[in-house]
Structures are given as C-alpha cells and as structure tokens.
PDB file of N, CA and C in Angstrom:
ATOM      1  N   MET A   1     107.034 -36.410 -19.345  1.00  0.00           N
ATOM      2  CA  MET A   1     107.162 -35.832 -18.231  1.00  0.00           C
ATOM      3  C   MET A   1     105.828 -35.269 -17.946  1.00  0.00           C
ATOM      4  N   ASP A   2     105.540 -35.313 -16.718  1.00  0.00           N
ATOM      5  CA  ASP A   2     104.309 -34.837 -16.078  1.00  0.00           C
ATOM      6  C   ASP A   2     104.275 -33.275 -16.257  1.00  0.00           C
ATOM      7  N   PHE A   3     103.342 -32.872 -16.103  1.00  0.00           N
ATOM      8  CA  PHE A   3     102.785 -31.234 -15.411  1.00  0.00           C
ATOM      9  C   PHE A   3     101.999 -30.978 -14.879  1.00  0.00           C
ATOM     10  N   ASN A   4     102.461 -30.709 -13.898  1.00  0.00           N
ATOM     11  CA  ASN A   4     101.249 -30.805 -12.704  1.00  0.00           C
ATOM     12  C   ASN A   4     100.790 -29.156 -11.970  1.00  0.00           C
ATOM     13  N   LEU A   5      99.812 -29.207 -11.734  1.00  0.00           N
ATOM     14  CA  LEU A   5      99.391 -27.763 -11.250  1.00  0.00           C
ATOM     15  C   LEU A   5      98.559 -28.257  -9.492  1.00  0.00           C
ATOM     16  N   ARG A   6      99.501 -27.773  -8.817  1.00  0.00           N
ATOM     17  CA  ARG A   6      99.055 -27.584  -7.208  1.00  0.00           C
ATOM     18  C   ARG A   6      98.066 -26.751  -6.843  1.00  0.00           C
ATOM     19  N   LEU A   7      96.964 -27.133  -6.125  1.00  0.00           N
ATOM     20  CA  LEU A   7      96.323 -25.893  -5.366  1.00  0.00           C
ATOM     21  C   LEU A   7      96.466 -25.925  -3.985  1.00  0.00           C
ATOM     22  N   SER A   8      96.631 -24.793  -3.417  1.00  0.00           N
ATOM     23  CA  SER A   8      97.026 -24.774  -1.692  1.00  0.00           C
ATOM     24  C   SER A   8      95.967 -24.008  -1.438  1.00  0.00           C
ATOM     25  N   GLY A   9      94.915 -24.715  -0.738  1.00  0.00           N
ATOM     26  CA  GLY A   9      93.979 -23.289   0.180  1.00  0.00           C
ATOM     27  C   GLY A   9      94.795 -22.864   1.829  1.00  0.00           C
ATOM     28  N   LEU A  10      94.707 -21.455   1.901  1.00  0.00           N
ATOM     29  CA  LEU A  10      95.376 -21.672   3.274  1.00  0.00           C
ATOM     30  C   LEU A  10      94.647 -22.315   4.618  1.00  0.00           C
ATOM     31  N   PHE A  11      95.532 -22.720   5.473  1.00  0.00           N
ATOM     32  CA  PHE A  11      95.272 -23.819   6.407  1.00  0.00           C
ATOM     33  C   PHE A  11      93.490 -23.131   7.013  1.00  0.00           C
ATOM     34  N   GLY A  12      92.616 -24.490   6.734  1.00  0.00           N
ATOM     35  CA  GLY A  12      91.150 -23.835   7.241  1.00  0.00           C
ATOM     36  C   GLY A  12      90.513 -23.105   6.737  1.00  0.00           C
ATOM     37  N   SER A  13      90.761 -22.377   5.675  1.00  0.00           N
ATOM     38  CA  SER A  13      89.897 -21.774   4.843  1.00  0.00           C
ATOM     39  C   SER A  13      89.403 -22.215   3.432  1.00  0.00           C
ATOM     40  N   ALA A  14      90.081 -22.837   2.930  1.00  0.00           N
ATOM     41  CA  ALA A  14      89.660 -23.748   1.706  1.00  0.00           C
ATOM     42  C   ALA A  14      90.301 -24.866   1.490  1.00  0.00           C
ATOM     43  N   ASN A  15      89.424 -25.735   1.962  1.00  0.00           N
ATOM     44  CA  ASN A  15      89.922 -27.510   1.652  1.00  0.00           C
ATOM     45  C   ASN A  15      89.690 -27.907   0.192  1.00  0.00           C
ATOM     46  N   ILE A  16      90.593 -28.316  -0.466  1.00  0.00           N
ATOM     47  CA  ILE A  16      90.296 -29.228  -1.732  1.00  0.00           C
ATOM     48  C   ILE A  16      89.135 -30.611  -1.632  1.00  0.00           C
ATOM     49  N   GLN A  17      88.027 -30.704  -2.283  1.00  0.00           N
ATOM     50  CA  GLN A  17      88.008 -32.122  -2.287  1.00  0.00           C
ATOM     51  C   GLN A  17      88.369 -33.156  -3.107  1.00  0.00           C
ATOM     52  N   SER A  18      89.050 -33.813  -2.797  1.00  0.00           N
ATOM     53  CA  SER A  18      89.880 -34.579  -3.820  1.00  0.00           C
ATOM     54  C   SER A  18      89.665 -35.760  -4.502  1.00  0.00           C
ATOM     55  N   GLN A  19      88.445 -35.886  -4.139  1.00  0.00           N
ATOM     56  CA  GLN A  19      87.309 -37.301  -4.979  1.00  0.00           C
ATOM     57  C   GLN A  19      86.639 -36.485  -6.372  1.00  0.00           C
ATOM     58  N   LYS A  20      86.582 -35.053  -6.131  1.00  0.00           N
ATOM     59  CA  LYS A  20      86.123 -34.607  -7.361  1.00  0.00           C
ATOM     60  C   LYS A  20      86.973 -34.044  -8.016  1.00  0.00           C
ATOM     61  N   PRO A  21      86.935 -33.662  -9.633  1.00  0.00           N
ATOM     62  CA  PRO A  21      87.960 -33.333 -10.772  1.00  0.00           C
ATOM     63  C   PRO A  21      88.183 -31.836 -10.714  1.00  0.00           C
ATOM     64  N   LEU A  22      89.319 -31.419 -10.926  1.00  0.00           N
ATOM     65  CA  LEU A  22      89.336 -29.989 -11.008  1.00  0.00           C
ATOM     66  C   LEU A  22      88.760 -29.849 -12.703  1.00  0.00           C
ATOM     67  N   VAL A  23      87.932 -28.574 -12.817  1.00  0.00           N
ATOM     68  CA  VAL A  23      87.178 -28.158 -14.125  1.00  0.00           C
ATOM     69  C   VAL A  23      88.428 -27.259 -14.738  1.00  0.00           C
ATOM     70  N   ILE A  24      88.671 -27.359 -15.736  1.00  0.00           N
ATOM     71  CA  ILE A  24      89.206 -26.517 -16.760  1.00  0.00           C
ATOM     72  C   ILE A  24      88.598 -26.190 -17.796  1.00  0.00           C
ATOM     73  N   SER A  25      87.724 -24.677 -17.825  1.00  0.00           N
ATOM     74  CA  SER A  25      87.097 -24.640 -19.318  1.00  0.00           C
ATOM     75  C   SER A  25      87.490 -23.299 -20.051  1.00  0.00           C
ATOM     76  N   THR A  26      87.356 -23.272 -21.264  1.00  0.00           N
ATOM     77  CA  THR A  26      87.450 -22.069 -22.076  1.00  0.00           C
ATOM     78  C   THR A  26      85.933 -21.852 -22.562  1.00  0.00           C
ATOM     79  N   SER A  27      86.043 -20.755 -23.176  1.00  0.00           N
ATOM     80  CA  SER A  27      84.451 -20.434 -23.892  1.00  0.00           C
ATOM     81  C   SER A  27      83.892 -21.579 -24.530  1.00  0.00           C
ATOM     82  N   SER A  28      84.422 -22.268 -25.001  1.00  0.00           N
ATOM     83  CA  SER A  28      84.140 -23.453 -26.096  1.00  0.00           C
ATOM     84  C   SER A  28      84.424 -24.664 -25.848  1.00  0.00           C
ATOM     85  N   ALA A  29      85.182 -25.160 -24.463  1.00  0.00           N
ATOM     86  CA  ALA A  29      85.381 -26.547 -24.369  1.00  0.00           C
ATOM     87  C   ALA A  29      85.854 -26.810 -22.766  1.00  0.00           C
ATOM     88  N   ARG A  30      85.683 -27.882 -22.126  1.00  0.00           N
ATOM     89  CA  ARG A  30      85.373 -28.110 -20.822  1.00  0.00           C
ATOM     90  C   ARG A  30      86.686 -29.150 -20.937  1.00  0.00           C
ATOM     91  N   TYR A  31      87.487 -29.278 -19.649  1.00  0.00           N
ATOM     92  CA  TYR A  31      88.339 -30.519 -19.322  1.00  0.00           C
ATOM     93  C   TYR A  31      88.076 -30.537 -18.059  1.00  0.00           C
ATOM     94  N   GLU A  32      88.542 -31.975 -17.476  1.00  0.00           N
ATOM     95  CA  GLU A  32      88.429 -32.613 -16.278  1.00  0.00           C
ATOM     96  C   GLU A  32      90.234 -33.017 -15.834  1.00  0.00           C
ATOM     97  N   ALA A  33      90.445 -32.777 -15.014  1.00  0.00           N
ATOM     98  CA  ALA A  33      91.636 -33.525 -14.316  1.00  0.00           C
ATOM     99  C   ALA A  33      91.523 -33.996 -12.802  1.00  0.00           C
ATOM    100  N   THR A  34      91.510 -35.094 -12.902  1.00  0.00           N
ATOM    101  CA  THR A  34      92.097 -35.969 -11.483  1.00  0.00           C
ATOM    102  C   THR A  34      92.908 -35.380 -10.104  1.00  0.00           C
ATOM    103  N   ASP A  35      92.499 -35.299  -9.050  1.00  0.00           N
ATOM    104  CA  ASP A  35      93.392 -34.834  -8.185  1.00  0.00           C
ATOM    105  C   ASP A  35      94.716 -36.366  -7.893  1.00  0.00           C
ATOM    106  N   ILE A  36      95.782 -36.167  -8.327  1.00  0.00           N
ATOM    107  CA  ILE A  36      96.455 -36.982  -8.005  1.00  0.00           C
ATOM    108  C   ILE A  36      96.708 -37.505  -6.586  1.00  0.00           C
ATOM    109  N   PHE A  37      96.415 -36.800  -5.511  1.00  0.00           N
ATOM    110  CA  PHE A  37      96.324 -37.380  -4.382  1.00  0.00           C
ATOM    111  C   PHE A  37      95.017 -37.323  -3.450  1.00  0.00           C
ATOM    112  N   TRP A  38      93.619 -37.957  -4.687  1.00  0.00           N
ATOM    113  CA  TRP A  38      92.720 -38.222  -4.404  1.00  0.00           C
ATOM    114  C   TRP A  38      92.632 -39.372  -3.233  1.00  0.00           C
ATOM    115  N   GLU A  39      93.614 -40.134  -2.997  1.00  0.00           N
ATOM    116  CA  GLU A  39      93.571 -41.181  -1.889  1.00  0.00           C
ATOM    117  C   GLU A  39      93.875 -41.033  -0.644  1.00  0.00           C
ATOM    118  N   ASN A  40      94.832 -40.114  -0.841  1.00  0.00           N
ATOM    119  CA  ASN A  40      95.771 -39.819   0.620  1.00  0.00           C
ATOM    120  C   ASN A  40      96.708 -38.414   0.487  1.00  0.00           C
ATOM    121  N   PRO A  41      95.397 -37.252   0.266  1.00  0.00           N
ATOM    122  CA  PRO A  41      96.417 -35.806   0.465  1.00  0.00           C
ATOM    123  C   PRO A  41      96.621 -35.713   1.631  1.00  0.00           C
ATOM    124  N   PRO A  42      98.064 -34.918   1.335  1.00  0.00           N
ATOM    125  CA  PRO A  42      99.104 -34.827   2.286  1.00  0.00           C
ATOM    126  C   PRO A  42      98.559 -33.439   3.535  1.00  0.00           C
ATOM    127  N   LEU A  43      97.436 -32.974   2.632  1.00  0.00           N
ATOM    128  CA  LEU A  43      96.944 -32.269   3.826  1.00  0.00           C
ATOM    129  C   LEU A  43      95.694 -31.572   2.971  1.00  0.00           C
ATOM    130  N   PRO A  44      94.446 -31.524   3.831  1.00  0.00           N
ATOM    131  CA  PRO A  44      93.053 -31.353   3.197  1.00  0.00           C
ATOM    132  C   PRO A  44      93.006 -29.904   2.464  1.00  0.00           C
ATOM    133  N   GLY A  45      93.931 -28.946   2.367  1.00  0.00           N
ATOM    134  CA  GLY A  45      93.926 -27.837   1.572  1.00  0.00           C
ATOM    135  C   GLY A  45      94.722 -27.789   0.225  1.00  0.00           C
ATOM    136  N   ILE A  46      94.853 -29.059   0.053  1.00  0.00           N
ATOM    137  CA  ILE A  46      96.004 -29.329  -1.164  1.00  0.00           C
ATOM    138  C   ILE A  46      95.395 -30.309  -2.545  1.00  0.00           C
ATOM    139  N   GLY A  47      95.193 -30.018  -3.393  1.00  0.00           N
ATOM    140  CA  GLY A  47      95.369 -30.588  -4.472  1.00  0.00           C
ATOM    141  C   GLY A  47      96.322 -30.670  -5.643  1.00  0.00           C
ATOM    142  N   GLN A  48      96.521 -31.728  -5.946  1.00  0.00           N
ATOM    143  CA  GLN A  48      97.720 -31.528  -7.463  1.00  0.00           C
ATOM    144  C   GLN A  48      97.303 -32.468  -8.317  1.00  0.00           C
ATOM    145  N   TYR A  49      96.745 -31.914  -9.565  1.00  0.00           N
ATOM    146  CA  TYR A  49      96.602 -32.266 -10.758  1.00  0.00           C
ATOM    147  C   TYR A  49      97.480 -32.275 -11.827  1.00  0.00           C
ATOM    148  N   ASN A  50      97.566 -33.451 -12.665  1.00  0.00           N
ATOM    149  CA  ASN A  50      98.616 -33.862 -13.587  1.00  0.00           C
ATOM    150  C   ASN A  50      97.628 -33.754 -14.801  1.00  0.00           C
ATOM    151  N   LEU A  51      98.298 -32.185 -15.297  1.00  0.00           N
ATOM    152  CA  LEU A  51      97.681 -31.808 -16.813  1.00  0.00           C
ATOM    153  C   LEU A  51      98.045 -32.214 -17.763  1.00  0.00           C
ATOM    154  N   LYS A  52      99.144 -33.029 -18.023  1.00  0.00           N
ATOM    155  CA  LYS A  52      99.799 -33.707 -18.937  1.00  0.00           C
ATOM    156  C   LYS A  52      98.961 -33.635 -20.286  1.00  0.00           C
ATOM    157  N   LYS A  53      98.033 -34.593 -19.751  1.00  0.00           N
ATOM    158  CA  LYS A  53      97.171 -35.131 -21.479  1.00  0.00           C
ATOM    159  C   LYS A  53      96.175 -33.781 -21.721  1.00  0.00           C
ATOM    160  N   ILE A  54      96.006 -32.813 -20.798  1.00  0.00           N
ATOM    161  CA  ILE A  54      94.833 -31.428 -21.184  1.00  0.00           C
ATOM    162  C   ILE A  54      95.567 -30.372 -21.723  1.00  0.00           C
ATOM    163  N   PHE A  55      97.103 -30.336 -21.027  1.00  0.00           N
ATOM    164  CA  PHE A  55      97.585 -28.815 -21.685  1.00  0.00           C
ATOM    165  C   PHE A  55      97.952 -28.616 -23.181  1.00  0.00           C
ATOM    166  N   PRO A  56      98.013 -29.933 -23.829  1.00  0.00           N
ATOM    167  CA  PRO A  56      98.367 -29.643 -25.137  1.00  0.00           C
ATOM    168  C   PRO A  56      97.275 -29.217 -25.833  1.00  0.00           C
ATOM    169  N   GLN A  57      95.913 -29.651 -25.386  1.00  0.00           N
ATOM    170  CA  GLN A  57      94.788 -29.263 -25.958  1.00  0.00           C
ATOM    171  C   GLN A  57      94.101 -27.801 -25.959  1.00  0.00           C
ATOM    172  N   LEU A  58      94.607 -27.193 -24.721  1.00  0.00           N
ATOM    173  CA  LEU A  58      94.043 -25.917 -24.170  1.00  0.00           C
ATOM    174  C   LEU A  58      94.979 -24.709 -25.328  1.00  0.00           C
ATOM    175  N   PRO A  59      93.918 -23.868 -25.507  1.00  0.00           N
ATOM    176  CA  PRO A  59      94.267 -22.929 -26.272  1.00  0.00           C
ATOM    177  C   PRO A  59      94.911 -21.643 -25.912  1.00  0.00           C
ATOM    178  N   THR A  60      95.538 -20.566 -26.546  1.00  0.00           N
ATOM    179  CA  THR A  60      96.294 -19.490 -25.394  1.00  0.00           C
ATOM    180  C   THR A  60      95.288 -18.549 -25.316  1.00  0.00           C
ATOM    181  N   ILE A  61      94.247 -18.811 -24.450  1.00  0.00           N
ATOM    182  CA  ILE A  61      93.060 -17.565 -23.854  1.00  0.00           C
ATOM    183  C   ILE A  61      93.168 -17.935 -22.541  1.00  0.00           C
ATOM    184  N   ASP A  62      92.285 -16.743 -22.234  1.00  0.00           N
ATOM    185  CA  ASP A  62      91.893 -17.159 -20.812  1.00  0.00           C
ATOM    186  C   ASP A  62      91.055 -18.151 -20.394  1.00  0.00           C
ATOM    187  N   LEU A  63      91.642 -18.910 -19.094  1.00  0.00           N
ATOM    188  CA  LEU A  63      91.209 -20.183 -18.486  1.00  0.00           C
ATOM    189  C   LEU A  63      90.479 -19.872 -17.250  1.00  0.00           C
ATOM    190  N   LEU A  64      89.270 -20.603 -16.862  1.00  0.00           N
ATOM    191  CA  LEU A  64      88.406 -20.506 -16.152  1.00  0.00           C
ATOM    192  C   LEU A  64      88.618 -21.871 -15.075  1.00  0.00           C
ATOM    193  N   LEU A  65      88.970 -21.973 -13.955  1.00  0.00           N
ATOM    194  CA  LEU A  65      89.565 -23.474 -12.924  1.00  0.00           C
ATOM    195  C   LEU A  65      88.068 -23.122 -12.138  1.00  0.00           C
ATOM    196  N   GLU A  66      87.781 -24.245 -12.038  1.00  0.00           N
ATOM    197  CA  GLU A  66      86.533 -24.751 -11.224  1.00  0.00           C
ATOM    198  C   GLU A  66      86.967 -25.794 -10.003  1.00  0.00           C
ATOM    199  N   ILE A  67      87.203 -25.296  -8.955  1.00  0.00           N
ATOM    200  CA  ILE A  67      87.944 -26.165  -7.901  1.00  0.00           C
ATOM    201  C   ILE A  67      86.771 -26.528  -7.185  1.00  0.00           C
ATOM    202  N   PRO A  68      86.967 -27.760  -6.859  1.00  0.00           N
ATOM    203  CA  PRO A  68      85.599 -28.714  -5.464  1.00  0.00           C
ATOM    204  C   PRO A  68      86.384 -28.259  -4.437  1.00  0.00           C
ATOM    205  N   LEU A  69      85.568 -27.687  -3.425  1.00  0.00           N
ATOM    206  CA  LEU A  69      85.798 -27.726  -2.253  1.00  0.00           C
ATOM    207  C   LEU A  69      85.018 -28.559  -1.217  1.00  0.00           C
ATOM    208  N   GLU A  70      85.648 -28.732   0.005  1.00  0.00           N
ATOM    209  CA  GLU A  70      84.748 -29.560   0.606  1.00  0.00           C
ATOM    210  C   GLU A  70      83.149 -28.660   0.946  1.00  0.00           C
ATOM    211  N   ASN A  71      82.185 -29.760   1.546  1.00  0.00           N
ATOM    212  CA  ASN A  71      80.554 -29.116   1.860  1.00  0.00           C
ATOM    213  C   ASN A  71      80.267 -29.183   0.456  1.00  0.00           C
ATOM    214  N   SER A  72      80.682 -29.588  -0.826  1.00  0.00           N
ATOM    215  CA  SER A  72      79.719 -29.426  -2.011  1.00  0.00           C
ATOM    216  C   SER A  72      79.846 -28.171  -2.488  1.00  0.00           C
ATOM    217  N   THR A  73      80.672 -27.323  -2.099  1.00  0.00           N
ATOM    218  CA  THR A  73      80.800 -25.773  -2.371  1.00  0.00           C
ATOM    219  C   THR A  73      81.973 -25.676  -4.079  1.00  0.00           C
ATOM    220  N   LEU A  74      81.912 -24.814  -4.601  1.00  0.00           N
ATOM    221  CA  LEU A  74      83.278 -24.479  -5.541  1.00  0.00           C
ATOM    222  C   LEU A  74      83.561 -23.265  -5.809  1.00  0.00           C
ATOM    223  N   THR A  75      84.790 -23.160  -6.052  1.00  0.00           N
ATOM    224  CA  THR A  75      85.141 -21.731  -6.194  1.00  0.00           C
ATOM    225  C   THR A  75      85.666 -21.659  -7.698  1.00  0.00           C
ATOM    226  N   ARG A  76      85.811 -20.809  -8.467  1.00  0.00           N
ATOM    227  CA  ARG A  76      86.477 -20.400  -9.514  1.00  0.00           C
ATOM    228  C   ARG A  76      87.514 -19.386  -9.651  1.00  0.00           C
ATOM    229  N   LEU A  77      88.624 -19.869 -10.417  1.00  0.00           N
ATOM    230  CA  LEU A  77      89.572 -19.163 -10.572  1.00  0.00           C
ATOM    231  C   LEU A  77      90.036 -18.957 -11.868  1.00  0.00           C
ATOM    232  N   HIS A  78      89.912 -17.147 -12.345  1.00  0.00           N
ATOM    233  CA  HIS A  78      90.336 -16.973 -13.407  1.00  0.00           C
ATOM    234  C   HIS A  78      91.706 -16.719 -13.740  1.00  0.00           C
ATOM    235  N   ILE A  79      92.210 -17.495 -14.902  1.00  0.00           N
ATOM    236  CA  ILE A  79      93.512 -17.909 -15.350  1.00  0.00           C
ATOM    237  C   ILE A  79      94.067 -17.033 -16.764  1.00  0.00           C
ATOM    238  N   PRO A  80      94.662 -15.568 -16.558  1.00  0.00           N
ATOM    239  CA  PRO A  80      94.547 -15.119 -17.622  1.00  0.00           C
ATOM    240  C   PRO A  80      95.938 -15.549 -18.685  1.00  0.00           C
ATOM    241  N   LYS A  81      95.311 -14.780 -20.075  1.00  0.00           N
ATOM    242  CA  LYS A  81      95.969 -15.211 -20.909  1.00  0.00           C
ATOM    243  C   LYS A  81      97.766 -15.316 -21.077  1.00  0.00           C
ATOM    244  N   ALA A  82      98.048 -14.599 -20.526  1.00  0.00           N
ATOM    245  CA  ALA A  82      99.351 -14.358 -19.953  1.00  0.00           C
ATOM    246  C   ALA A  82      99.749 -15.434 -19.158  1.00  0.00           C
ATOM    247  N   LEU A  83      99.402 -15.589 -18.286  1.00  0.00           N
ATOM    248  CA  LEU A  83      99.736 -17.018 -17.167  1.00  0.00           C
ATOM    249  C   LEU A  83      99.701 -18.385 -18.242  1.00  0.00           C
ATOM    250  N   VAL A  84      98.793 -18.312 -19.024  1.00  0.00           N
ATOM    251  CA  VAL A  84      98.696 -19.558 -19.422  1.00  0.00           C
ATOM    252  C   VAL A  84      99.851 -19.312 -20.613  1.00  0.00           C
ATOM    253  N   GLU A  85     100.232 -18.288 -21.331  1.00  0.00           N
ATOM    254  CA  GLU A  85     101.314 -18.038 -22.337  1.00  0.00           C
ATOM    255  C   GLU A  85     102.709 -18.839 -21.352  1.00  0.00           C
ATOM    256  N   GLU A  86     102.872 -17.892 -20.301  1.00  0.00           N
ATOM    257  CA  GLU A  86     104.016 -18.510 -19.398  1.00  0.00           C
ATOM    258  C   GLU A  86     104.223 -20.446 -19.147  1.00  0.00           C
ATOM    259  N   TRP A  87     102.615 -20.921 -19.173  1.00  0.00           N
ATOM    260  CA  TRP A  87     103.114 -22.395 -18.407  1.00  0.00           C
ATOM    261  C   TRP A  87     103.277 -23.246 -19.941  1.00  0.00           C
ATOM    262  N   GLN A  88     102.730 -22.598 -21.018  1.00  0.00           N
ATOM    263  CA  GLN A  88     102.871 -22.790 -22.340  1.00  0.00           C
ATOM    264  C   GLN A  88     104.652 -22.998 -22.522  1.00  0.00           C
ATOM    265  N   GLN A  89     105.097 -21.305 -22.312  1.00  0.00           N
ATOM    266  CA  GLN A  89     107.101 -21.688 -22.573  1.00  0.00           C
ATOM    267  C   GLN A  89     107.259 -22.942 -21.510  1.00  0.00           C
ATOM    268  N   VAL A  90     107.156 -23.010 -20.455  1.00  0.00           N
ATOM    269  CA  VAL A  90     107.991 -23.500 -19.494  1.00  0.00           C
ATOM    270  C   VAL A  90     107.642 -25.186 -19.979  1.00  0.00           C
ATOM    271  N   ALA A  91     106.453 -25.487 -20.166  1.00  0.00           N
ATOM    272  CA  ALA A  91     105.873 -26.920 -20.773  1.00  0.00           C
ATOM    273  C   ALA A  91     106.485 -27.218 -22.078  1.00  0.00           C
ATOM    274  N   ALA A  92     107.017 -26.447 -23.017  1.00  0.00           N
ATOM    275  CA  ALA A  92     107.864 -26.287 -24.584  1.00  0.00           C
ATOM    276  C   ALA A  92     109.111 -26.764 -24.224  1.00  0.00           C
ATOM    277  N   LYS A  93     109.561 -26.074 -23.004  1.00  0.00           N
ATOM    278  CA  LYS A  93     111.309 -26.460 -22.734  1.00  0.00           C
ATOM    279  C   LYS A  93     111.356 -28.157 -22.359  1.00  0.00           C
ATOM    280  N   ASN A  94     112.469 -28.654 -22.816  1.00  0.00           N
ATOM    281  CA  ASN A  94     112.658 -29.627 -22.558  1.00  0.00           C
ATOM    282  C   ASN A  94     114.310 -29.793 -21.313  1.00  0.00           C
ATOM    283  N   PRO A  95     113.820 -29.426 -20.440  1.00  0.00           N
ATOM    284  CA  PRO A  95     115.084 -29.535 -19.492  1.00  0.00           C
ATOM    285  C   PRO A  95     115.411 -30.627 -19.095  1.00  0.00           C
ATOM    286  N   ASN A  96     116.671 -30.884 -18.643  1.00  0.00           N
ATOM    287  CA  ASN A  96     116.915 -32.116 -18.068  1.00  0.00           C
ATOM    288  C   ASN A  96     116.871 -32.330 -16.725  1.00  0.00           C
ATOM    289  N   PHE A  97     115.141 -32.888 -16.428  1.00  0.00           N
ATOM    290  CA  PHE A  97     114.962 -33.124 -15.300  1.00  0.00           C
ATOM    291  C   PHE A  97     115.280 -34.412 -14.803  1.00  0.00           C
ATOM    292  N   SER A  98     115.308 -34.295 -13.372  1.00  0.00           N
ATOM    293  CA  SER A  98     115.614 -35.952 -12.679  1.00  0.00           C
ATOM    294  C   SER A  98     114.029 -36.701 -13.248  1.00  0.00           C
ATOM    295  N   PRO A  99     113.912 -38.052 -13.286  1.00  0.00           N
ATOM    296  CA  PRO A  99     112.839 -38.666 -13.624  1.00  0.00           C
ATOM    297  C   PRO A  99     112.068 -38.434 -12.452  1.00  0.00           C
ATOM    298  N   LYS A 100     112.666 -38.368 -11.545  1.00  0.00           N
ATOM    299  CA  LYS A 100     111.531 -38.077  -9.882  1.00  0.00           C
ATOM    300  C   LYS A 100     110.625 -36.661 -10.045  1.00  0.00           C
ATOM    301  N   LEU A 101     111.714 -35.581 -10.629  1.00  0.00           N
ATOM    302  CA  LEU A 101     111.235 -34.265 -10.938  1.00  0.00           C
ATOM    303  C   LEU A 101     110.240 -33.866 -11.731  1.00  0.00           C
ATOM    304  N   PHE A 102     109.622 -33.038 -11.758  1.00  0.00           N
ATOM    305  CA  PHE A 102     108.902 -32.415 -12.962  1.00  0.00           C
ATOM    306  C   PHE A 102     108.354 -31.010 -12.201  1.00  0.00           C
ATOM    307  N   PRO A 103     107.865 -30.509 -13.772  1.00  0.00           N
ATOM    308  CA  PRO A 103     107.491 -29.072 -12.985  1.00  0.00           C
ATOM    309  C   PRO A 103     105.955 -29.323 -12.414  1.00  0.00           C
ATOM    310  N   THR A 104     106.031 -28.175 -11.448  1.00  0.00           N
ATOM    311  CA  THR A 104     104.782 -27.766 -10.751  1.00  0.00           C
ATOM    312  C   THR A 104     104.652 -26.536 -10.661  1.00  0.00           C
ATOM    313  N   PHE A 105     103.385 -25.631 -10.937  1.00  0.00           N
ATOM    314  CA  PHE A 105     102.822 -24.577 -10.509  1.00  0.00           C
ATOM    315  C   PHE A 105     102.079 -24.452  -9.344  1.00  0.00           C
ATOM    316  N   GLU A 106     102.391 -23.917  -8.567  1.00  0.00           N
ATOM    317  CA  GLU A 106     101.432 -23.698  -7.373  1.00  0.00           C
ATOM    318  C   GLU A 106     100.642 -22.476  -7.216  1.00  0.00           C
ATOM    319  N   LEU A 107      99.377 -22.708  -7.230  1.00  0.00           N
ATOM    320  CA  LEU A 107      98.347 -21.092  -6.774  1.00  0.00           C
ATOM    321  C   LEU A 107      98.147 -21.550  -5.349  1.00  0.00           C
ATOM    322  N   ILE A 108      97.980 -20.319  -4.761  1.00  0.00           N
ATOM    323  CA  ILE A 108      97.807 -20.489  -3.219  1.00  0.00           C
ATOM    324  C   ILE A 108      96.504 -19.600  -3.174  1.00  0.00           C
ATOM    325  N   CYS A 109      95.561 -20.207  -2.747  1.00  0.00           N
ATOM    326  CA  CYS A 109      94.088 -19.401  -2.937  1.00  0.00           C
ATOM    327  C   CYS A 109      93.870 -19.093  -1.273  1.00  0.00           C
TER     328      CYS A 109
END
C-alpha cells in the first residue's frame, strides 16, 4: 500500500518545483522523496510524494519538511510530533482499500 503526502500551494502563491525532492529531516537524519507528478503535475502548485519507504524509518518526533518551490526558493514546514503520531496510526491500520485507492494526507500552504 502506498502512503502519500500531497502538498498544495494556493493558486499562484506557491508553486512546487516537481523536479526537486521533498526533504524530510529530523535532528539526526535527512530523507528525500521524489514528487510522483515530476513529469506531469496536474497543477503547478501541487506536489505529491510517496513516503512508503521513508515513513517506517521516521522516529516519532518533530519533523521539518523542506519544500522546493519555483525560482529555486525553499520553504520549510514544521510537522509537530502529534501529527507524526497521527500519520503513524493511519499507516499502521490495515484498512481494506481498493488497489487504486491509498491514504493521502494533504497540506495546503
């Protein structure tokens, strides 16, 4: 089962640069996720990242997302431990999803 994180910028205010990875970091480690829309994003403000391989490695602590934006800028988003715990609870469940459906968390910046 896939585990996706979708990031959506408000139209025209923050466009995700799909060709660069999303960086997820903790105080002791750094992980990179590739945008699954990198070849053909549905809109410039959307990035979606499959965290299936990264997520099991993440500790239950605060995370920092480094989101690549157009014009080589970068924005950082703090993810508190409570939200990481919620994501882990959802990932640990084994709901009977259709093969075409998967859990996706969406953050709107």
